[in-house]
C-alpha cells in the first residue's frame, strides 16, 4: 500500500484496518429497554422514506454511572473530542448496534447499541443524538480484556438471531489481542461462538474486517452451541476471503485478482478532501437462496475498485478448491459489465436480492437488482446529499428488510481535519422496498424476475 503524503501512511495502516449484514430478538426477561419519543414523518424523497434518524457531532457513551464516566475521562479511557468514529451498523427488532473501532486511544466501548421502539421504519426519533450503550456490557468492552472485545469493525445478524462481530484485536497500530470472530445470542446476549484466527489462516499483513454467515442446509440454526455454519470473512489488507467451518473449526483462504485493489481507483476525492488508498476486499453481502438449490451468491467489492463481484458460496466451501495445483475455473469469480465512477465501502442486500451500497466520491446511496445484469441502466442512485451523505461507510438491510446507512466524514477523521462543532456522523433508515420504488431496482414480488443465466 502506498500513499503520496505522510499522513496517509498512517491512514493506510489503520484505515482499512477498517472497513474497515425473521426470527427476531425477543426481549430478554428482566432486560429493560429505554424508549425514545418517536414521530411519524412524511418524506418527499424520490428514494421513498430514507430519512436521517440519528446524528452526532461527536460520539457520546453511556457509562454504568457518572463516577465511572468521570474516571474514564480523567484516565484517558474516554477522550471526548475526535477519538471515536462509528464504522458499521446492524439491527434486530429492538436494538440498533453500532461499532466504534479503537483506531485511537480514548474509545471507551467498541461495540454499542441504541434501543429501538419496534419494526416500523416510519417512526423516527426526536432524540437525535443519544448516548451509545456498551454491548453486551462495559466489562466486555474493557480495553485489555482479550476474552471480551478490543476493536470491532463490522458485523452481521443472521437468520438465527445471532450477532456476529469481527474483532481485529488492535488498538491503533498495536496488536493488543488476537483477532477473532464472536457470535452473541441476541435472546440472552451470551457469547455462543468464538473463533480466534490461527497463524495459518493469516498473513503478516492480514486485517480481518467483515463477515457473512451461511448455515448448512441441515443445521436449522443448530441447538445450543451447535452452530453448523460457514463464515466468510474479508481480509482487506491481504486480499482474500477467509472461510471458517464452525463445525470443524478449520479455516482456509480463498484469493482471486478480483479481491485486490485496482490502482485506477486509488485516488479518492470526498467533498474536496483528496487522498490515495490501496485497500482490497471490504464490502460483503450474501444473497437470498433464489437462484440455485442449496447455494447462494456472495457479493463483494474491494474498497479501491469501481466494480462489484460475486461468487457462489459452494465454490468457497471446498477447502482444497483453490490451490496452486488446482486453481478455480476462470468463471468462478464473476463481475458485471459496468464500472462505477466512484468507489464503494460496505454493502447490504434485501430479501428480494437488491444490493444497496454507497458511492463514496459522489456522496450518494445506490442500488442494483441482482436478478438483472450489472449494467449502468440497472443501477439507480437513490439519494444524493453533499452535506449529509459524506463517506457512506456502511449500508445494511436487517432481517425485517429495513435499510440502514451510516455516513461518517471518515475522510476528515483520518486527516485530523474533523470539526467537532459540525454534525459529523449520521444514520439513515427506511424500508428496502420503498427505497427502490419507481427505480431500476424495484422488485414487484419476492423471487420475481429472470434467472441470472450469466452468473
Protein backbone atom coordinates (compact mmCIF):
# COMPACT_ATOMS: atom_id res chain seq x y z
CA UNK A 1 0.00 0.00 0.00
CA UNK A 2 1.32 3.38 -0.90
CA UNK A 3 0.32 6.94 -0.11
CA UNK A 4 1.54 10.21 -1.53
CA UNK A 5 1.77 12.02 1.77
CA UNK A 6 2.95 11.08 5.25
CA UNK A 7 -0.44 11.49 6.97
CA UNK A 8 -1.89 8.84 4.69
CA UNK A 9 0.80 6.31 5.51
CA UNK A 10 -0.72 6.06 8.96
CA UNK A 11 -4.08 6.32 7.27
CA UNK A 12 -3.33 3.20 5.21
CA UNK A 13 -2.05 1.17 8.15
CA UNK A 14 -5.10 1.94 10.23
CA UNK A 15 -7.65 2.80 7.58
CA UNK A 16 -8.95 -0.32 6.28
CA UNK A 17 -7.57 -1.76 9.11
CA UNK A 18 -11.06 -0.93 8.52
CA UNK A 19 -13.97 -1.02 6.80
CA UNK A 20 -12.54 -1.30 7.59
CA UNK A 21 -25.10 -7.73 7.07
CA UNK A 22 -37.36 -13.17 10.80
CA UNK A 23 -36.55 -14.71 13.75
CA UNK A 24 -36.19 -11.53 15.66
CA UNK A 25 -34.95 -10.79 19.11
CA UNK A 26 -37.41 -11.30 21.90
CA UNK A 27 -36.89 -9.07 24.84
CA UNK A 28 -34.95 -10.91 27.47
CA UNK A 29 -36.84 -11.28 30.69
CA UNK A 30 -35.74 -8.63 33.12
CA UNK A 31 -33.87 -6.66 30.46
CA UNK A 32 -35.17 -3.12 30.37
CA UNK A 33 -35.13 -1.10 27.14
CA UNK A 34 -35.27 2.67 27.18
CA UNK A 35 -37.91 4.16 24.90
CA UNK A 36 -37.26 7.26 22.84
CA UNK A 37 -40.00 9.55 21.64
CA UNK A 38 -40.75 8.87 18.00
CA UNK A 39 -42.86 10.68 15.42
CA UNK A 40 -44.24 9.76 12.04
CA UNK A 41 -42.97 11.98 9.24
CA UNK A 42 -43.72 12.11 5.56
CA UNK A 43 -40.89 12.21 3.04
CA UNK A 44 -40.88 13.75 -0.39
CA UNK A 45 -37.62 11.99 -1.33
CA UNK A 46 -37.68 10.00 -4.56
CA UNK A 47 -35.88 7.29 -2.62
CA UNK A 48 -39.05 6.62 -0.65
CA UNK A 49 -38.73 7.33 3.04
CA UNK A 50 -34.95 7.06 3.51
CA UNK A 51 -34.60 9.52 6.37
CA UNK A 52 -31.99 10.70 8.84
CA UNK A 53 -32.83 9.23 12.25
CA UNK A 54 -29.69 9.80 14.37
CA UNK A 55 -26.79 12.24 14.21
CA UNK A 56 -23.84 13.27 16.34
CA UNK A 57 -21.19 15.97 16.32
CA UNK A 58 -19.09 13.63 18.48
CA UNK A 59 -19.98 10.17 19.72
CA UNK A 60 -21.01 10.01 23.36
CA UNK A 61 -21.36 6.91 25.51
CA UNK A 62 -23.48 5.82 28.44
CA UNK A 63 -21.47 4.52 31.40
CA UNK A 64 -22.89 2.38 34.23
CA UNK A 65 -22.73 5.50 36.42
CA UNK A 66 -21.40 9.06 36.35
CA UNK A 67 -18.47 8.19 38.62
CA UNK A 68 -17.18 5.66 36.06
CA UNK A 69 -17.67 8.22 33.32
CA UNK A 70 -15.60 10.78 35.21
CA UNK A 71 -12.87 8.25 35.92
CA UNK A 72 -12.73 7.24 32.23
CA UNK A 73 -12.33 10.86 31.15
CA UNK A 74 -9.68 11.52 33.79
CA UNK A 75 -7.67 8.39 32.88
CA UNK A 76 -7.90 8.93 29.13
CA UNK A 77 -10.02 5.81 28.58
CA UNK A 78 -12.63 8.20 27.15
CA UNK A 79 -11.39 11.12 25.07
CA UNK A 80 -14.47 13.14 24.20
CA UNK A 81 -13.18 15.00 21.12
CA UNK A 82 -12.17 13.32 17.85
CA UNK A 83 -11.29 9.91 19.26
CA UNK A 84 -14.36 7.82 18.38
CA UNK A 85 -15.91 7.22 14.98
CA UNK A 86 -18.75 4.83 14.10
CA UNK A 87 -17.95 2.32 11.39
CA UNK A 88 -20.74 -0.24 10.99
CA UNK A 89 -24.36 -0.97 11.85
CA UNK A 90 -26.73 -3.88 12.36
CA UNK A 91 -30.26 -4.07 13.78
CA UNK A 92 -32.71 -6.53 15.25
CA UNK A 93 -36.28 -5.65 16.20
CA UNK A 94 -35.42 -3.74 19.39
CA UNK A 95 -31.80 -2.59 19.07
CA UNK A 96 -29.51 -0.84 16.62
CA UNK A 97 -25.90 -1.98 17.04
CA UNK A 98 -23.02 0.40 16.25
CA UNK A 99 -19.31 -0.40 16.19
CA UNK A 100 -16.57 2.11 17.02
CA UNK A 101 -13.10 0.64 16.32
CA UNK A 102 -10.22 1.68 18.56
CA UNK A 103 -8.20 3.41 15.85
CA UNK A 104 -7.17 5.91 18.52
CA UNK A 105 -6.85 5.87 22.27
CA UNK A 106 -9.90 7.12 24.14
CA UNK A 107 -12.68 4.91 22.75
CA UNK A 108 -14.37 3.51 25.88
CA UNK A 109 -16.69 0.98 24.18
CA UNK A 110 -16.08 -0.61 20.78
CA UNK A 111 -19.47 -2.37 20.42
CA UNK A 112 -22.57 -0.41 21.39
CA UNK A 113 -26.31 -0.29 20.83
CA UNK A 114 -29.29 2.04 20.84
CA UNK A 115 -32.79 0.88 21.85
CA UNK A 116 -35.40 0.92 19.10
CA UNK A 117 -39.15 1.07 19.72
CA UNK A 118 -40.10 -1.53 17.13
CA UNK A 119 -40.02 -2.54 13.49
CA UNK A 120 -41.97 0.37 11.99
CA UNK A 121 -39.46 2.38 9.90
CA UNK A 122 -41.86 5.34 9.66
CA UNK A 123 -41.30 6.12 13.32
CA UNK A 124 -38.20 8.28 13.65
CA UNK A 125 -36.56 9.66 16.82
CA UNK A 126 -36.80 13.15 18.19
CA UNK A 127 -33.84 12.42 20.48
CA UNK A 128 -31.37 12.54 17.63
CA UNK A 129 -28.01 12.28 19.44
CA UNK A 130 -28.37 9.69 22.22
CA UNK A 131 -25.52 8.19 24.19
CA UNK A 132 -24.37 4.79 22.92
CA UNK A 133 -24.73 1.91 25.38
CA UNK A 134 -21.98 -0.76 25.69
CA UNK A 135 -22.89 -4.20 24.37
CA UNK A 136 -23.19 -6.65 25.96
CA UNK A 137 -21.81 -4.66 28.91
CA UNK A 138 -18.98 -2.33 29.91
CA UNK A 139 -16.64 -5.07 31.16
CA UNK A 140 -16.76 -6.94 27.84
CA UNK A 141 -15.61 -3.70 26.17
CA UNK A 142 -12.75 -3.00 28.58
CA UNK A 143 -9.51 -2.39 26.69
CA UNK A 144 -7.05 -5.19 27.51
CA UNK A 145 -9.78 -7.79 28.15
CA UNK A 146 -8.86 -10.31 25.44
CA UNK A 147 -11.81 -12.51 26.42
CA UNK A 148 -14.04 -9.59 25.53
CA UNK A 149 -13.97 -7.10 22.65
CA UNK A 150 -10.96 -5.00 21.67
CA UNK A 151 -11.76 -3.30 18.35
CA UNK A 152 -14.91 -4.28 16.47
CA UNK A 153 -15.00 -3.47 12.77
CA UNK A 154 -18.03 -4.92 11.01
CA UNK A 155 -20.79 -7.30 12.00
CA UNK A 156 -23.77 -9.30 10.76
CA UNK A 157 -27.04 -10.56 12.25
CA UNK A 158 -28.02 -13.93 10.80
CA UNK A 159 -31.32 -15.75 10.28
CA UNK A 160 -30.89 -17.45 13.65
CA UNK A 161 -30.91 -14.19 15.62
CA UNK A 162 -27.20 -14.17 16.35
CA UNK A 163 -24.90 -11.18 16.14
CA UNK A 164 -21.51 -11.98 14.58
CA UNK A 165 -18.70 -9.47 15.02
CA UNK A 166 -15.16 -9.21 13.63
CA UNK A 167 -12.74 -8.02 16.30
CA UNK A 168 -9.31 -7.05 14.97
CA UNK A 169 -7.69 -7.04 18.41
CA UNK A 170 -5.82 -3.83 17.55
CA UNK A 171 -5.66 -0.51 19.37
CA UNK A 172 -4.12 1.98 16.99
CA UNK A 173 -1.19 0.15 15.41
CA UNK A 174 -0.69 -2.21 18.39
CA UNK A 175 -1.91 -5.82 18.20
CA UNK A 176 -3.22 -5.99 21.75
CA UNK A 177 -5.25 -9.22 21.46
CA UNK A 178 -5.62 -11.98 18.84
CA UNK A 179 -8.05 -11.19 16.00
CA UNK A 180 -11.29 -13.12 16.40
CA UNK A 181 -14.90 -13.69 15.39
CA UNK A 182 -17.51 -13.75 18.16
CA UNK A 183 -21.22 -14.62 17.96
CA UNK A 184 -23.80 -13.43 20.50
CA UNK A 185 -27.22 -14.98 21.03
CA UNK A 186 -29.46 -11.91 20.90
CA UNK A 187 -32.09 -13.53 23.14
CA UNK A 188 -29.64 -13.93 26.03
CA UNK A 189 -26.76 -11.62 24.99
CA UNK A 190 -24.40 -14.52 25.77
CA UNK A 191 -21.38 -15.47 23.66
CA UNK A 192 -22.22 -18.72 21.84
CA UNK A 193 -19.25 -18.94 19.49
CA UNK A 194 -15.68 -17.71 19.32
CA UNK A 195 -13.04 -18.29 16.66
CA UNK A 196 -9.55 -16.93 17.17
CA UNK A 197 -7.73 -16.82 13.86
CA UNK A 198 -4.83 -19.24 13.54
CA UNK A 199 -1.50 -18.15 12.15
CA UNK A 200 -2.10 -20.49 9.22
CA UNK A 201 -5.14 -18.50 8.09
CA UNK A 202 -3.46 -15.09 8.35
CA UNK A 203 -0.58 -13.44 6.52
CA UNK A 204 1.81 -10.96 8.11
CA UNK A 205 -0.28 -8.02 6.87
CA UNK A 206 -3.73 -9.58 7.32
CA UNK A 207 -6.65 -7.50 8.57
CA UNK A 208 -10.00 -9.30 9.05
CA UNK A 209 -12.77 -6.71 8.66
CA UNK A 210 -16.19 -8.01 7.55
CA UNK A 211 -18.32 -11.15 7.82
CA UNK A 212 -21.20 -13.02 6.17
CA UNK A 213 -22.78 -16.17 7.63
CA UNK A 214 -24.34 -19.15 5.86
CA UNK A 215 -25.83 -22.04 7.82
CA UNK A 216 -25.53 -25.51 6.38
CA UNK A 217 -28.80 -26.79 4.90
CA UNK A 218 -29.30 -29.42 7.58
CA UNK A 219 -28.36 -27.21 10.51
CA UNK A 220 -31.65 -25.35 11.04
CA UNK A 221 -29.79 -22.90 13.28
CA UNK A 222 -28.45 -25.67 15.48
CA UNK A 223 -29.17 -26.22 19.13
CA UNK A 224 -27.20 -24.65 21.94
CA UNK A 225 -23.64 -24.16 20.77
CA UNK A 226 -24.06 -26.38 17.71
CA UNK A 227 -23.55 -23.58 15.18
CA UNK A 228 -23.14 -25.56 11.98
CA UNK A 229 -22.28 -22.81 9.52
CA UNK A 230 -19.75 -21.38 7.11
CA UNK A 231 -18.35 -17.95 7.89
CA UNK A 232 -16.92 -15.75 5.14
CA UNK A 233 -14.53 -13.10 6.46
CA UNK A 234 -12.85 -10.42 4.35
CA UNK A 235 -9.10 -9.93 4.69
CA UNK A 236 -8.87 -6.34 3.46
CA UNK A 237 -5.10 -5.86 3.54
CA UNK A 238 -4.04 -9.35 2.40
CA UNK A 239 -6.76 -9.61 -0.27
CA UNK A 240 -8.68 -12.81 0.44
CA UNK A 241 -11.84 -14.35 1.85
CA UNK A 242 -11.15 -16.45 4.93
CA UNK A 243 -13.64 -19.33 5.13
CA UNK A 244 -14.36 -20.82 8.56
CA UNK A 245 -16.24 -24.10 9.06
CA UNK A 246 -17.70 -23.72 12.55
CA UNK A 247 -18.44 -27.45 12.90
CA UNK A 248 -14.81 -28.48 12.42
CA UNK A 249 -13.06 -25.28 13.48
CA UNK A 250 -10.98 -25.35 10.31
CA UNK A 251 -10.33 -22.24 8.23
CA UNK A 252 -8.78 -21.58 4.83
CA UNK A 253 -8.06 -18.69 2.49
CA UNK A 254 -9.55 -18.12 -0.96
CA UNK A 255 -8.00 -15.37 -3.06
CA UNK A 256 -8.63 -14.01 -6.53
CA UNK A 257 -7.49 -10.99 -8.52
CA UNK A 258 -10.98 -9.50 -8.03
CA UNK A 259 -10.22 -9.12 -4.30
CA UNK A 260 -7.18 -6.90 -4.94
CA UNK A 261 -7.28 -3.09 -5.13
CA UNK A 262 -7.45 -1.52 -8.58
CA UNK A 263 -4.74 1.15 -8.99
CA UNK A 264 -7.03 3.11 -11.32
CA UNK A 265 -9.39 3.57 -8.35
CA UNK A 266 -6.65 4.54 -5.90
CA UNK A 267 -7.36 8.28 -5.78
CA UNK A 268 -10.28 9.48 -3.66
CA UNK A 269 -11.92 12.89 -3.51
CA UNK A 270 -14.60 13.16 -0.83
CA UNK A 271 -16.07 16.64 -0.69
CA UNK A 272 -12.75 18.24 -1.55
CA UNK A 273 -10.59 16.05 0.70
CA UNK A 274 -8.19 14.13 -1.56
CA UNK A 275 -6.15 11.07 -0.66
CA UNK A 276 -4.68 7.91 -2.18
CA UNK A 277 -5.66 4.49 -0.86
CA UNK A 278 -4.94 0.92 -1.96
CA UNK A 279 -7.19 -1.42 0.06
CA UNK A 280 -8.74 -4.67 -1.07
CA UNK A 281 -11.92 -6.63 -0.46
CA UNK A 282 -14.22 -4.96 2.06
CA UNK A 283 -17.91 -4.89 1.10
CA UNK A 284 -19.65 -8.24 1.67
CA UNK A 285 -23.28 -9.39 1.38
CA UNK A 286 -24.75 -12.87 0.97
CA UNK A 287 -27.69 -13.10 -1.41
CA UNK A 288 -31.00 -14.88 -0.81
CA UNK A 289 -31.29 -18.56 -1.87
CA UNK A 290 -33.20 -17.68 -5.03
CA UNK A 291 -31.22 -18.96 -7.96
CA UNK A 292 -29.53 -22.23 -7.05
CA UNK A 293 -30.50 -25.20 -4.93
CA UNK A 294 -28.52 -25.23 -1.68
CA UNK A 295 -26.28 -22.47 -2.98
CA UNK A 296 -26.08 -18.69 -2.75
CA UNK A 297 -24.21 -15.77 -4.23
CA UNK A 298 -21.69 -13.92 -2.10
CA UNK A 299 -21.33 -10.34 -3.37
CA UNK A 300 -18.17 -8.40 -2.57
CA UNK A 301 -16.10 -5.42 -3.60
CA UNK A 302 -12.67 -4.02 -2.80
CA UNK A 303 -12.65 -0.53 -1.32
CA UNK A 304 -10.27 0.57 -4.07
CA UNK A 305 -12.35 -0.51 -7.03
CA UNK A 306 -15.07 0.62 -9.43
CA UNK A 307 -16.79 -2.78 -9.59
CA UNK A 308 -18.77 -5.35 -7.66
CA UNK A 309 -18.04 -9.08 -7.88
CA UNK A 310 -19.74 -12.29 -6.79
CA UNK A 311 -19.04 -15.98 -6.31
CA UNK A 312 -21.22 -18.97 -5.45
CA UNK A 313 -20.65 -19.98 -1.86
CA UNK A 314 -20.35 -23.66 -2.80
CA UNK A 315 -17.10 -22.75 -4.57
CA UNK A 316 -15.69 -21.32 -1.35
CA UNK A 317 -16.69 -24.23 0.88
CA UNK A 318 -14.24 -26.71 -0.66
CA UNK A 319 -11.05 -26.31 1.35
CA UNK A 320 -8.94 -27.73 -1.47
CA UNK A 321 -10.67 -25.93 -4.34
CA UNK A 322 -8.14 -23.15 -4.82
CA UNK A 323 -4.51 -24.21 -4.63
CA UNK A 324 -1.54 -23.59 -6.92
CA UNK A 325 -2.05 -27.07 -8.39
CA UNK A 326 -5.86 -26.81 -8.50
CA UNK A 327 -6.92 -23.23 -9.34
CA UNK A 328 -10.57 -22.24 -9.55
CA UNK A 329 -12.08 -22.15 -13.05
CA UNK A 330 -11.87 -18.73 -14.65
CA UNK A 331 -15.63 -18.20 -14.43
CA UNK A 332 -15.82 -18.88 -10.68
CA UNK A 333 -15.48 -15.19 -9.73
CA UNK A 334 -17.96 -13.07 -11.64
CA UNK A 335 -18.06 -9.35 -12.39
CA UNK A 336 -20.55 -7.10 -14.14
CA UNK A 337 -20.16 -5.22 -17.40
CA UNK A 338 -20.38 -1.73 -15.88
CA UNK A 339 -17.74 0.21 -13.96
CA UNK A 340 -18.93 2.69 -11.36
CA UNK A 341 -17.45 6.19 -11.42
CA UNK A 342 -16.99 6.02 -7.65
CA UNK A 343 -15.51 3.67 -5.05
CA UNK A 344 -17.77 1.94 -2.54
CA UNK A 345 -17.30 0.66 1.01
CA UNK A 346 -19.85 -1.59 2.79
CA UNK A 347 -22.94 -3.06 1.11
CA UNK A 348 -26.13 -4.84 2.15
CA UNK A 349 -28.76 -6.94 0.38
CA UNK A 350 -32.53 -7.26 0.79
CA UNK A 351 -34.59 -10.45 0.88
CA UNK A 352 -35.61 -9.76 -2.72
CA UNK A 353 -31.99 -9.61 -3.85
CA UNK A 354 -31.47 -5.85 -4.17
CA UNK A 355 -27.91 -4.81 -3.31
CA UNK A 356 -27.52 -1.40 -1.64
CA UNK A 357 -24.19 0.44 -1.49
CA UNK A 358 -22.70 3.90 -1.12
CA UNK A 359 -20.89 5.87 -3.81
CA UNK A 360 -18.07 7.43 -1.81
CA UNK A 361 -16.90 10.11 -4.24
CA UNK A 362 -20.47 11.09 -5.10
CA UNK A 363 -21.92 11.33 -1.58
CA UNK A 364 -24.75 9.08 -2.72
CA UNK A 365 -26.72 5.90 -1.95
CA UNK A 366 -27.26 3.47 -4.85
CA UNK A 367 -28.78 0.05 -5.60
CA UNK A 368 -28.73 -2.87 -8.03
CA UNK A 369 -31.35 -5.59 -8.51
CA UNK A 370 -29.08 -8.63 -8.63
CA UNK A 371 -31.54 -10.60 -10.75
CA UNK A 372 -30.55 -8.28 -13.62
CA UNK A 373 -27.16 -7.83 -15.31
CA UNK A 374 -24.77 -5.41 -13.62
CA UNK A 375 -25.06 -2.65 -16.21
CA UNK A 376 -25.48 1.12 -15.99
CA UNK A 377 -29.20 1.01 -16.78
CA UNK A 378 -29.81 -1.40 -13.88
CA UNK A 379 -28.04 0.76 -11.27
CA UNK A 380 -30.06 3.51 -9.56
CA UNK A 381 -28.90 6.42 -7.40
CA UNK A 382 -31.49 6.61 -4.61
CA UNK A 383 -30.28 9.59 -2.65
CA UNK A 384 -27.52 12.17 -3.01
CA UNK A 385 -26.56 14.84 -0.48
CA UNK A 386 -23.14 16.51 -0.46
CA UNK A 387 -23.60 17.62 3.14
CA UNK A 388 -25.24 14.64 4.82
CA UNK A 389 -24.03 11.61 2.83
CA UNK A 390 -20.29 12.16 3.06
CA UNK A 391 -18.45 8.82 3.10
CA UNK A 392 -21.17 6.18 3.43
CA UNK A 393 -19.08 3.59 5.25
CA UNK A 394 -21.87 1.07 5.79
CA UNK A 395 -25.18 0.18 4.17
CA UNK A 396 -27.10 -2.82 5.58
CA UNK A 397 -30.55 -4.40 5.34
CA UNK A 398 -31.84 -6.07 8.51
CA UNK A 399 -34.00 -9.20 8.86
CA UNK A 400 -37.17 -7.09 8.59
CA UNK A 401 -35.94 -5.56 5.32
CA UNK A 402 -35.27 -2.20 6.92
CA UNK A 403 -32.50 -0.27 5.19
CA UNK A 404 -29.82 1.41 7.33
CA UNK A 405 -26.99 3.66 6.10
CA UNK A 406 -24.16 5.32 8.03
CA UNK A 407 -22.29 8.43 6.86
CA UNK A 408 -19.12 9.25 8.78
CA UNK A 409 -16.93 12.02 7.26
CA UNK A 410 -14.25 9.40 7.56
CA UNK A 411 -12.01 11.37 5.22
CA UNK A 412 -11.76 14.20 7.75
CA UNK A 413 -11.41 11.97 10.79
CA UNK A 414 -8.23 10.39 9.45
CA UNK A 415 -6.74 13.59 8.13
CA UNK A 416 -7.25 15.28 11.50
CA UNK A 417 -9.50 17.90 9.92
CA UNK A 418 -12.76 16.90 11.59
CA UNK A 419 -14.59 19.90 13.05
CA UNK A 420 -16.12 18.86 16.40
CA UNK A 421 -18.75 21.59 16.05
CA UNK A 422 -20.16 20.12 12.82
CA UNK A 423 -22.63 17.25 12.62
CA UNK A 424 -20.19 14.56 11.53
CA UNK A 425 -21.97 11.21 11.90
CA UNK A 426 -25.44 10.39 10.60
CA UNK A 427 -27.64 7.28 10.47
CA UNK A 428 -30.40 6.94 7.88
CA UNK A 429 -33.24 4.42 7.75
CA UNK A 430 -36.17 3.32 5.61
CA UNK A 431 -37.72 0.20 4.13
CA UNK A 432 -35.81 -1.54 1.36
CA UNK A 433 -38.95 -1.93 -0.76
CA UNK A 434 -39.98 1.73 -0.51
CA UNK A 435 -36.43 2.94 -1.08
CA UNK A 436 -36.34 1.44 -4.57
CA UNK A 437 -39.93 2.04 -5.67
CA UNK A 438 -40.13 3.56 -9.16
CA UNK A 439 -36.42 2.90 -9.79
CA UNK A 440 -34.49 0.33 -11.83
CA UNK A 441 -34.05 -1.68 -8.60
CA UNK A 442 -37.76 -2.20 -7.96
CA UNK A 443 -38.71 -5.86 -7.47
CA UNK A 444 -42.53 -6.31 -7.51
CA UNK A 445 -42.59 -9.60 -5.59
CA UNK A 446 -40.02 -11.78 -3.92
CA UNK A 447 -38.39 -14.10 -6.43
CA UNK A 448 -39.91 -12.41 -9.46
CA UNK A 449 -37.56 -11.67 -12.35
CA UNK A 450 -35.35 -13.60 -14.75
CA UNK A 451 -32.82 -16.19 -13.66
CA UNK A 452 -29.31 -14.80 -13.85
CA UNK A 453 -28.08 -17.09 -16.61
CA UNK A 454 -24.82 -15.15 -16.98
CA UNK A 455 -23.73 -15.87 -13.41
